[in-house]
Amino acid sequence: APPRSANILPKPKWLKAAPATSPKYQELRTTVRSLGLATVCEEAKCPNIGDCWGGGHSKNNPNSPDEAEHFGTATATIMIMGDTCTRGCSFCAVKTSRKPPPLDAEEPNKVAEAVSEWGLDYVVLTSVDRDDLKDQGSDHFRKVVERLKKVNTSKGQNLIVEALTPDFCGDLDLVANVAMSGL
């Protein structure tokens, strides 16, 4: 290899992720662990987890009143159907297996409990691909959304659920199953 140039510049500060240490980060992490949930933030080893879960750094300032409304809001994307995917995409850090563990039948209740505890009015759900299941997890995804909506409606809240679903191998009936879940 050729010798390194002496003109290499250090990485800019904005490119370096700060350690995740805020109280809000700790709160979300504790809830995720205690309920045995997975988040894409952790499973995909996202370097911004401290900012998202912690609600941003106090040294950052919103640039407009619209940004100020959401500034400091902790955000997490819950990954349902476990932490093991049946596909091995080269760009992804989520662990893979052709035979992942079975789905957790209590996961809809656990997700609803976490979202309720965090006091969210907007939640993002994503999932691993489960090509090992006949319906590829479509029914489980639907159950999670329905449970979230039921728990929050009973509390007089209007929870918005964003669903980042698997491709369900192009089976539109499986897509419809999730789409008609009350999103």
Protein backbone atom coordinates (compact mmCIF):
# COMPACT_ATOMS: atom_id res chain seq x y z
CA ALA A 1 0.00 0.00 0.00
CA PRO A 2 1.22 3.50 -0.74
CA PRO A 3 2.14 5.69 2.23
CA ARG A 4 -0.63 7.84 3.71
CA SER A 5 -0.69 11.49 2.88
CA ALA A 6 0.13 13.92 5.68
CA ASN A 7 -2.73 16.10 4.43
CA ILE A 8 -5.53 13.87 5.79
CA LEU A 9 -8.09 16.05 7.53
CA PRO A 10 -9.91 14.96 10.68
CA LYS A 11 -13.58 14.04 10.40
CA PRO A 12 -15.95 16.94 11.06
CA LYS A 13 -17.58 17.03 14.50
CA TRP A 14 -21.07 16.70 13.03
CA LEU A 15 -20.11 13.34 11.53
CA LYS A 16 -19.19 11.84 14.89
CA ALA A 17 -22.04 10.37 16.94
CA ALA A 18 -22.11 11.32 20.60
CA PRO A 19 -22.40 8.52 23.17
CA ALA A 20 -25.96 7.68 24.14
CA THR A 21 -26.25 8.73 27.77
CA SER A 22 -29.34 10.93 28.21
CA PRO A 23 -32.04 10.04 30.76
CA LYS A 24 -34.63 9.65 27.96
CA TYR A 25 -32.33 7.24 26.13
CA GLN A 26 -31.94 5.20 29.32
CA GLU A 27 -35.72 5.19 29.86
CA LEU A 28 -36.46 3.90 26.35
CA ARG A 29 -33.67 1.34 26.54
CA THR A 30 -34.94 0.05 29.89
CA THR A 31 -38.49 -0.36 28.55
CA VAL A 32 -37.30 -2.12 25.39
CA ARG A 33 -35.19 -4.53 27.45
CA SER A 34 -37.80 -5.22 30.13
CA LEU A 35 -40.45 -6.09 27.53
CA GLY A 36 -38.08 -8.09 25.33
CA LEU A 37 -38.72 -5.88 22.29
CA ALA A 38 -36.43 -5.19 19.36
CA THR A 39 -35.79 -1.89 17.64
CA VAL A 40 -34.29 -1.36 14.24
CA CYS A 41 -32.16 1.31 15.91
CA GLU A 42 -30.30 -1.30 17.95
CA GLU A 43 -30.43 -4.27 15.61
CA ALA A 44 -29.12 -2.29 12.63
CA LYS A 45 -26.50 -0.61 14.86
CA CYS A 46 -27.62 2.91 13.98
CA PRO A 47 -25.00 5.46 15.04
CA ASN A 48 -27.70 8.10 15.69
CA ILE A 49 -29.51 6.16 18.40
CA GLY A 50 -28.37 8.60 21.10
CA ASP A 51 -29.84 11.56 19.25
CA CYS A 52 -33.12 9.86 18.35
CA TRP A 53 -33.84 8.12 21.63
CA GLY A 54 -32.47 11.00 23.64
CA GLY A 55 -34.50 13.62 21.81
CA GLY A 56 -31.53 15.42 20.28
CA HIS A 57 -28.66 17.26 21.89
CA SER A 58 -29.30 20.47 23.81
CA LYS A 59 -26.54 22.21 21.84
CA ASN A 60 -28.60 21.75 18.67
CA ASN A 61 -31.17 24.46 18.10
CA PRO A 62 -34.26 24.33 15.95
CA ASN A 63 -34.07 26.53 12.87
CA SER A 64 -37.75 27.47 12.73
CA PRO A 65 -40.94 27.43 14.85
CA ASP A 66 -42.07 24.32 12.93
CA GLU A 67 -38.89 22.49 13.94
CA ALA A 68 -39.18 23.76 17.52
CA GLU A 69 -42.51 21.96 17.90
CA HIS A 70 -40.79 18.57 17.46
CA PHE A 71 -37.37 19.49 18.79
CA GLY A 72 -36.31 17.28 21.65
CA THR A 73 -38.89 14.56 20.92
CA ALA A 74 -37.47 11.10 21.49
CA THR A 75 -38.04 8.77 18.54
CA ALA A 76 -37.68 5.01 18.24
CA THR A 77 -38.70 2.57 15.52
CA ILE A 78 -40.00 -0.66 16.99
CA MET A 79 -39.04 -3.77 15.03
CA ILE A 80 -41.63 -6.50 15.39
CA MET A 81 -41.53 -10.23 14.65
CA GLY A 82 -38.25 -10.69 16.49
CA ASP A 83 -34.68 -9.64 15.87
CA THR A 84 -33.79 -12.26 13.27
CA CYS A 85 -34.53 -11.90 9.55
CA THR A 86 -34.85 -14.72 7.03
CA ARG A 87 -33.00 -12.73 4.38
CA GLY A 88 -29.33 -11.85 4.31
CA CYS A 89 -29.17 -8.42 2.69
CA SER A 90 -25.55 -7.32 2.46
CA PHE A 91 -26.34 -3.72 3.44
CA CYS A 92 -28.09 -4.65 6.70
CA ALA A 93 -26.68 -5.43 10.14
CA VAL A 94 -29.75 -7.34 11.40
CA LYS A 95 -28.92 -10.95 12.20
CA THR A 96 -30.24 -13.64 9.87
CA SER A 97 -31.37 -17.24 9.99
CA ARG A 98 -33.43 -19.49 7.76
CA LYS A 99 -35.25 -20.73 10.85
CA PRO A 100 -35.61 -17.83 13.31
CA PRO A 101 -37.37 -18.28 16.66
CA PRO A 102 -41.17 -18.42 16.62
CA LEU A 103 -43.18 -15.21 16.85
CA ASP A 104 -43.96 -13.93 20.36
CA ALA A 105 -47.75 -14.11 20.73
CA GLU A 106 -47.50 -11.48 23.49
CA GLU A 107 -45.63 -8.99 21.29
CA PRO A 108 -48.78 -6.97 20.39
CA ASN A 109 -49.43 -6.41 24.11
CA LYS A 110 -45.77 -5.62 24.82
CA VAL A 111 -45.56 -3.07 22.01
CA ALA A 112 -48.81 -1.43 23.15
CA GLU A 113 -47.49 -1.28 26.72
CA ALA A 114 -44.24 0.36 25.63
CA VAL A 115 -45.94 2.94 23.41
CA SER A 116 -48.43 3.74 26.16
CA GLU A 117 -45.65 4.06 28.74
CA TRP A 118 -43.71 6.43 26.48
CA GLY A 119 -46.81 8.57 25.89
CA LEU A 120 -46.39 8.63 22.11
CA ASP A 121 -48.95 9.97 19.67
CA TYR A 122 -46.99 8.69 16.66
CA VAL A 123 -45.13 5.40 16.35
CA VAL A 124 -43.18 3.74 13.56
CA LEU A 125 -43.31 -0.04 13.23
CA THR A 126 -41.01 -2.03 11.04
CA SER A 127 -40.13 -5.69 11.01
CA VAL A 128 -37.76 -8.33 9.88
CA ASP A 129 -38.72 -10.45 6.87
CA ARG A 130 -40.25 -13.77 7.88
CA ASP A 131 -40.23 -15.86 4.71
CA ASP A 132 -40.40 -18.95 6.95
CA LEU A 133 -44.04 -18.22 7.84
CA LYS A 134 -46.95 -19.07 5.53
CA ASP A 135 -48.32 -15.49 5.73
CA GLN A 136 -44.82 -14.01 6.14
CA GLY A 137 -45.94 -12.39 9.40
CA SER A 138 -48.74 -10.32 7.87
CA ASP A 139 -51.29 -11.41 10.47
CA HIS A 140 -48.88 -10.72 13.34
CA PHE A 141 -48.17 -7.23 11.96
CA ARG A 142 -51.94 -6.62 11.76
CA LYS A 143 -52.43 -7.77 15.37
CA VAL A 144 -49.75 -5.36 16.62
CA VAL A 145 -51.39 -2.41 14.84
CA GLU A 146 -54.87 -3.37 16.05
CA ARG A 147 -53.68 -3.73 19.65
CA LEU A 148 -51.90 -0.36 19.54
CA LYS A 149 -55.02 1.33 18.22
CA LYS A 150 -57.32 -0.38 20.73
CA VAL A 151 -55.20 0.51 23.77
CA ASN A 152 -54.77 4.14 22.74
CA THR A 153 -58.41 4.62 21.71
CA SER A 154 -59.52 3.32 25.10
CA LYS A 155 -57.41 6.09 26.67
CA GLY A 156 -58.98 8.74 24.43
CA GLN A 157 -55.81 9.12 22.36
CA ASN A 158 -55.51 9.11 18.59
CA LEU A 159 -52.30 7.22 17.91
CA ILE A 160 -50.87 7.43 14.41
CA VAL A 161 -49.07 4.25 13.35
CA GLU A 162 -46.63 4.27 10.45
CA ALA A 163 -45.99 0.78 9.10
CA LEU A 164 -42.77 -0.02 7.26
CA THR A 165 -43.71 -3.53 6.23
CA PRO A 166 -41.77 -6.31 4.54
CA ASP A 167 -42.45 -6.82 0.85
CA PHE A 168 -44.49 -9.98 1.57
CA CYS A 169 -42.95 -11.35 -1.65
CA GLY A 170 -45.40 -9.22 -3.63
CA ASP A 171 -48.52 -10.97 -2.29
CA LEU A 172 -51.08 -8.15 -2.33
CA ASP A 173 -53.50 -10.06 -0.08
CA LEU A 174 -50.86 -9.98 2.66
CA VAL A 175 -50.27 -6.27 2.05
CA ALA A 176 -54.03 -5.64 2.27
CA ASN A 177 -54.17 -7.54 5.56
CA VAL A 178 -51.86 -4.97 7.15
CA ALA A 179 -53.29 -2.00 5.25
CA MET A 180 -56.78 -2.75 6.57
CA SER A 181 -55.63 -3.10 10.19
CA GLY A 182 -56.61 0.42 11.21
CA LEU A 183 -53.49 2.26 10.20
